[in-house]
Structures are given as structure tokens and as C-alpha cells.
């Protein structure tokens, strides 16, 4: 069990041995199961607000009211000791929610500044910044839906794909097809969408080829 705390720390627990019976006879009851701490690390300067674990349980990602995004490797989650950790600094403070897509390839963040930030979960390289909201975001999530339901194209096929939805303080809910290429192209057509790292627009990272999508940052 991976737990995040307001002091900025994240702790991995392992369930202990089966509890023993307290007392005897018909009135016997189970004692509490103890949890063993495998590791505890603190990479956030402010409270952790959200934590998500990949579907294959190989890594977890946390975010908080600071500008730090932290990735924890969980492949050796039954072993005590400090895990392998990757961190990046964002340009804005305050991330209310984080979600990892089911295929564990991309991760999305809901920012207090109203922006949805999308990253490669493998490299933590920024892929897209979506600016559909005027006020802070509270939550977001991926879902398997018909692509025709979320596509803005009139000729979209009704196949099943991933969608990314977010809710904000102004009461607005946005939905977007969760193909990074699609989000990038739609964002370029929207006057409200801006690049967060203009100097990296033409960057190339061969490691992102495994993601199976056009992962250019905009």
C-alpha cells in the first residue's frame, strides 16, 4: 500500500503476518493486522495532494501544492530500502490531481492554473499542455469510451479508445481524446492553448518511440 502525507512524504507499506486470536473461546476476536514499512521518502516541500499507481503496479506518481512531480519505482516493492526515484520541476505550483493511463504510457496532471499537463510516464518528458479552463482544476481521469463521442471531427469512427476528462472550479467539464497527437493538433487550433516550454518545441527524444504515439511537445 502506497500512502501520501501532508508533510510531503510518501510511504510504502506491506501487509504483515496474519493476526493472532486475542483471547480464547467464543469471545475470541482478531487482533489488528500490523503493517510493515518498506520505505518512506520525502521529495515534496508541500503537502501531497494526489497519488496514482500504474495498472501494472510498476511505478507510482505523486504531486502536490508545490511544483514537484515525483515518480517512484515499485518493481521491487517487497524489498526494504530507498526506491529509485525520478523528479521534475514544473513551471507552476499546485497540482490537484494526477492520473496514469491504463497502458501506463502517459500521465496527466490537473493544475490550479487551469491547465492539463500531459507527460510521458517513461521519461517524464512534457508532451502537451491543454488550456481549456479559466480557473483551477479539481480533478481529471481517463476513460474508455467511443472515440466518436469525444472527437471534434465529423468523420470520426466509433471505435473504442481513451478519453481524458477534467473538472474545474468554474463548474466546467472538458473532454478530450487521449491520443497525445490528437490533443496536440486540437491545441494548436485553439487560441487558448499555449506552449509551456517554447524552447523545446523542436526537441527529439528517441526514448519516446516506445509510447506508440506522436509525442511531440507543443
Protein backbone atom coordinates (compact mmCIF):
# COMPACT_ATOMS: atom_id res chain seq x y z
CA UNK A 1 0.00 0.00 0.00
CA UNK A 2 1.40 3.36 -1.06
CA UNK A 3 0.38 6.28 1.18
CA UNK A 4 0.99 10.02 0.78
CA UNK A 5 1.07 12.52 3.64
CA UNK A 6 0.59 16.23 4.20
CA UNK A 7 4.22 16.62 5.28
CA UNK A 8 5.29 15.80 1.72
CA UNK A 9 6.37 12.22 2.34
CA UNK A 10 5.28 9.00 0.63
CA UNK A 11 5.47 5.62 2.39
CA UNK A 12 5.20 2.08 1.07
CA UNK A 13 3.63 -0.43 3.47
CA UNK A 14 3.49 -4.22 3.28
CA UNK A 15 0.80 -6.21 4.99
CA UNK A 16 2.18 -8.11 7.95
CA UNK A 17 1.55 -11.67 9.05
CA UNK A 18 -1.93 -12.95 9.81
CA UNK A 19 -3.25 -11.60 13.10
CA UNK A 20 -3.47 -13.85 16.11
CA UNK A 21 -6.64 -14.55 18.01
CA UNK A 22 -6.98 -12.32 21.05
CA UNK A 23 -8.38 -14.24 23.99
CA UNK A 24 -10.00 -17.64 23.69
CA UNK A 25 -13.32 -19.39 23.42
CA UNK A 26 -16.43 -17.95 21.82
CA UNK A 27 -15.41 -14.41 22.76
CA UNK A 28 -12.16 -14.58 20.83
CA UNK A 29 -11.59 -11.79 18.32
CA UNK A 30 -8.96 -10.97 15.76
CA UNK A 31 -6.25 -8.53 16.74
CA UNK A 32 -5.29 -5.76 14.35
CA UNK A 33 -3.11 -6.69 11.38
CA UNK A 34 0.21 -4.89 11.53
CA UNK A 35 1.65 -3.04 8.54
CA UNK A 36 5.36 -3.17 7.84
CA UNK A 37 7.09 -0.06 6.46
CA UNK A 38 9.28 -0.92 3.48
CA UNK A 39 10.41 2.61 2.77
CA UNK A 40 9.48 6.23 3.39
CA UNK A 41 10.83 9.15 1.36
CA UNK A 42 10.15 12.88 1.26
CA UNK A 43 10.59 14.68 -2.06
CA UNK A 44 7.81 17.26 -1.77
CA UNK A 45 8.24 20.56 0.06
CA UNK A 46 4.47 20.97 0.48
CA UNK A 47 1.56 18.57 1.18
CA UNK A 48 1.00 15.76 -1.32
CA UNK A 49 -2.45 16.25 -2.87
CA UNK A 50 -2.68 13.28 -5.23
CA UNK A 51 -1.06 9.91 -5.83
CA UNK A 52 -1.64 7.30 -8.53
CA UNK A 53 -0.19 3.85 -9.25
CA UNK A 54 0.16 2.34 -12.71
CA UNK A 55 -2.16 -0.52 -13.55
CA UNK A 56 0.78 -2.93 -13.77
CA UNK A 57 1.95 -1.66 -10.32
CA UNK A 58 5.44 -0.97 -11.60
CA UNK A 59 5.54 2.70 -10.56
CA UNK A 60 3.63 5.43 -8.76
CA UNK A 61 3.50 9.20 -9.28
CA UNK A 62 2.74 11.92 -6.74
CA UNK A 63 2.05 15.65 -6.97
CA UNK A 64 1.13 18.36 -4.52
CA UNK A 65 0.80 22.04 -3.79
CA UNK A 66 4.43 22.59 -4.73
CA UNK A 67 5.81 22.33 -8.28
CA UNK A 68 7.40 18.87 -7.95
CA UNK A 69 6.35 15.75 -9.86
CA UNK A 70 7.78 12.54 -8.36
CA UNK A 71 7.92 9.04 -9.85
CA UNK A 72 8.56 6.04 -7.57
CA UNK A 73 9.71 2.69 -8.98
CA UNK A 74 7.72 -0.14 -7.37
CA UNK A 75 9.10 -3.17 -9.20
CA UNK A 76 10.94 -4.24 -6.04
CA UNK A 77 8.04 -3.30 -3.78
CA UNK A 78 8.60 -6.31 -1.48
CA UNK A 79 12.14 -5.21 -0.64
CA UNK A 80 13.11 -2.71 2.02
CA UNK A 81 15.32 0.22 1.09
CA UNK A 82 15.09 3.52 -0.76
CA UNK A 83 13.38 3.11 -4.16
CA UNK A 84 14.57 4.52 -7.46
CA UNK A 85 13.04 7.97 -7.75
CA UNK A 86 12.76 10.48 -10.61
CA UNK A 87 11.67 14.08 -10.08
CA UNK A 88 10.98 17.06 -12.31
CA UNK A 89 10.12 20.66 -11.52
CA UNK A 90 7.06 22.24 -13.11
CA UNK A 91 6.71 25.90 -14.04
CA UNK A 92 3.61 26.37 -11.89
CA UNK A 93 2.81 25.46 -8.30
CA UNK A 94 -0.26 23.47 -7.33
CA UNK A 95 -1.30 20.17 -8.92
CA UNK A 96 -4.67 18.97 -7.63
CA UNK A 97 -4.79 15.54 -9.29
CA UNK A 98 -2.67 13.04 -11.21
CA UNK A 99 -3.81 10.09 -13.32
CA UNK A 100 -1.86 7.40 -15.18
CA UNK A 101 -3.47 5.97 -18.32
CA UNK A 102 -4.34 2.26 -18.25
CA UNK A 103 -1.48 1.35 -20.59
CA UNK A 104 0.95 3.12 -18.21
CA UNK A 105 2.42 5.19 -21.06
CA UNK A 106 1.24 8.70 -20.27
CA UNK A 107 0.33 10.65 -17.15
CA UNK A 108 -1.93 13.70 -16.88
CA UNK A 109 -1.93 16.45 -14.24
CA UNK A 110 -4.72 18.82 -13.20
CA UNK A 111 -3.26 22.23 -12.32
CA UNK A 112 -4.51 25.02 -10.13
CA UNK A 113 -3.75 27.31 -13.06
CA UNK A 114 -6.47 25.61 -15.15
CA UNK A 115 -4.05 23.69 -17.35
CA UNK A 116 -3.95 19.97 -18.08
CA UNK A 117 -0.34 18.84 -18.46
CA UNK A 118 0.46 15.55 -20.17
CA UNK A 119 3.78 13.73 -19.73
CA UNK A 120 5.46 10.54 -20.88
CA UNK A 121 5.42 8.28 -17.84
CA UNK A 122 8.66 6.63 -19.01
CA UNK A 123 10.81 9.74 -19.34
CA UNK A 124 8.63 12.40 -17.59
CA UNK A 125 9.08 14.47 -20.73
CA UNK A 126 6.28 17.03 -21.25
CA UNK A 127 4.07 16.13 -24.19
CA UNK A 128 1.19 18.62 -24.22
CA UNK A 129 -0.37 21.48 -22.26
CA UNK A 130 -4.14 21.95 -22.65
CA UNK A 131 -5.67 25.28 -21.64
CA UNK A 132 -9.44 24.81 -21.85
CA UNK A 133 -10.27 26.17 -18.37
CA UNK A 134 -10.18 29.68 -16.96
CA UNK A 135 -9.98 28.61 -13.31
CA UNK A 136 -8.25 25.94 -11.28
CA UNK A 137 -8.80 22.26 -11.96
CA UNK A 138 -10.01 19.94 -9.22
CA UNK A 139 -9.82 16.51 -10.83
CA UNK A 140 -9.27 14.56 -14.04
CA UNK A 141 -9.37 10.98 -15.28
CA UNK A 142 -9.00 8.64 -18.24
CA UNK A 143 -11.87 6.54 -19.53
CA UNK A 144 -12.52 4.01 -22.29
CA UNK A 145 -15.24 5.48 -24.50
CA UNK A 146 -16.28 5.65 -28.13
CA UNK A 147 -13.87 7.93 -29.95
CA UNK A 148 -16.79 9.42 -31.87
CA UNK A 149 -18.22 10.71 -28.60
CA UNK A 150 -15.14 12.79 -27.83
CA UNK A 151 -13.81 13.63 -31.29
CA UNK A 152 -14.48 17.01 -32.88
CA UNK A 153 -14.15 15.51 -36.34
CA UNK A 154 -17.36 14.74 -38.23
CA UNK A 155 -15.76 11.71 -39.85
CA UNK A 156 -14.54 10.16 -36.59
CA UNK A 157 -15.01 6.42 -36.36
CA UNK A 158 -16.93 4.94 -33.45
CA UNK A 159 -14.11 2.75 -32.18
CA UNK A 160 -13.25 2.35 -28.52
CA UNK A 161 -10.38 4.49 -27.28
CA UNK A 162 -9.14 6.56 -24.36
CA UNK A 163 -10.64 9.88 -23.34
CA UNK A 164 -9.33 12.40 -20.83
CA UNK A 165 -11.81 14.46 -18.83
CA UNK A 166 -11.26 17.24 -16.29
CA UNK A 167 -13.41 19.32 -13.96
CA UNK A 168 -12.66 22.86 -12.79
CA UNK A 169 -13.66 25.45 -10.23
CA UNK A 170 -15.89 27.33 -12.69
CA UNK A 171 -18.11 24.25 -12.99
CA UNK A 172 -16.89 23.38 -16.47
CA UNK A 173 -16.05 19.82 -17.51
CA UNK A 174 -13.82 19.27 -20.54
CA UNK A 175 -13.34 16.06 -22.51
CA UNK A 176 -10.60 15.23 -24.96
CA UNK A 177 -9.49 12.22 -26.95
CA UNK A 178 -6.46 10.94 -25.05
CA UNK A 179 -4.19 10.49 -28.04
CA UNK A 180 -1.33 12.90 -27.50
CA UNK A 181 -1.21 13.55 -31.26
CA UNK A 182 -4.91 14.43 -31.25
CA UNK A 183 -4.56 16.68 -28.20
CA UNK A 184 -1.56 18.40 -29.78
CA UNK A 185 -3.34 19.06 -33.07
CA UNK A 186 -6.51 20.34 -31.37
CA UNK A 187 -4.48 22.53 -29.06
CA UNK A 188 -2.68 24.17 -31.97
CA UNK A 189 -6.06 25.16 -33.44
CA UNK A 190 -7.24 26.68 -30.16
CA UNK A 191 -6.18 30.22 -29.43
CA UNK A 192 -6.33 29.50 -25.72
CA UNK A 193 -3.74 26.72 -25.87
CA UNK A 194 -0.15 27.84 -25.32
CA UNK A 195 3.20 26.11 -25.13
CA UNK A 196 4.70 25.77 -21.67
CA UNK A 197 8.26 25.24 -22.95
CA UNK A 198 8.65 27.10 -26.24
CA UNK A 199 12.37 26.38 -26.40
CA UNK A 200 11.69 22.62 -26.58
CA UNK A 201 9.19 22.71 -29.45
CA UNK A 202 11.57 21.02 -31.86
CA UNK A 203 13.13 18.64 -29.34
CA UNK A 204 13.51 14.98 -30.19
CA UNK A 205 13.73 12.10 -27.73
CA UNK A 206 14.18 8.63 -29.16
CA UNK A 207 13.07 7.06 -25.87
CA UNK A 208 9.50 8.19 -26.57
CA UNK A 209 9.24 5.96 -29.63
CA UNK A 210 8.08 3.13 -27.39
CA UNK A 211 4.95 5.05 -26.48
CA UNK A 212 3.44 4.28 -29.89
CA UNK A 213 2.14 7.82 -30.40
CA UNK A 214 3.30 11.14 -31.77
CA UNK A 215 4.68 12.51 -28.51
CA UNK A 216 5.83 15.92 -29.65
CA UNK A 217 5.56 18.65 -27.06
CA UNK A 218 3.65 21.77 -28.01
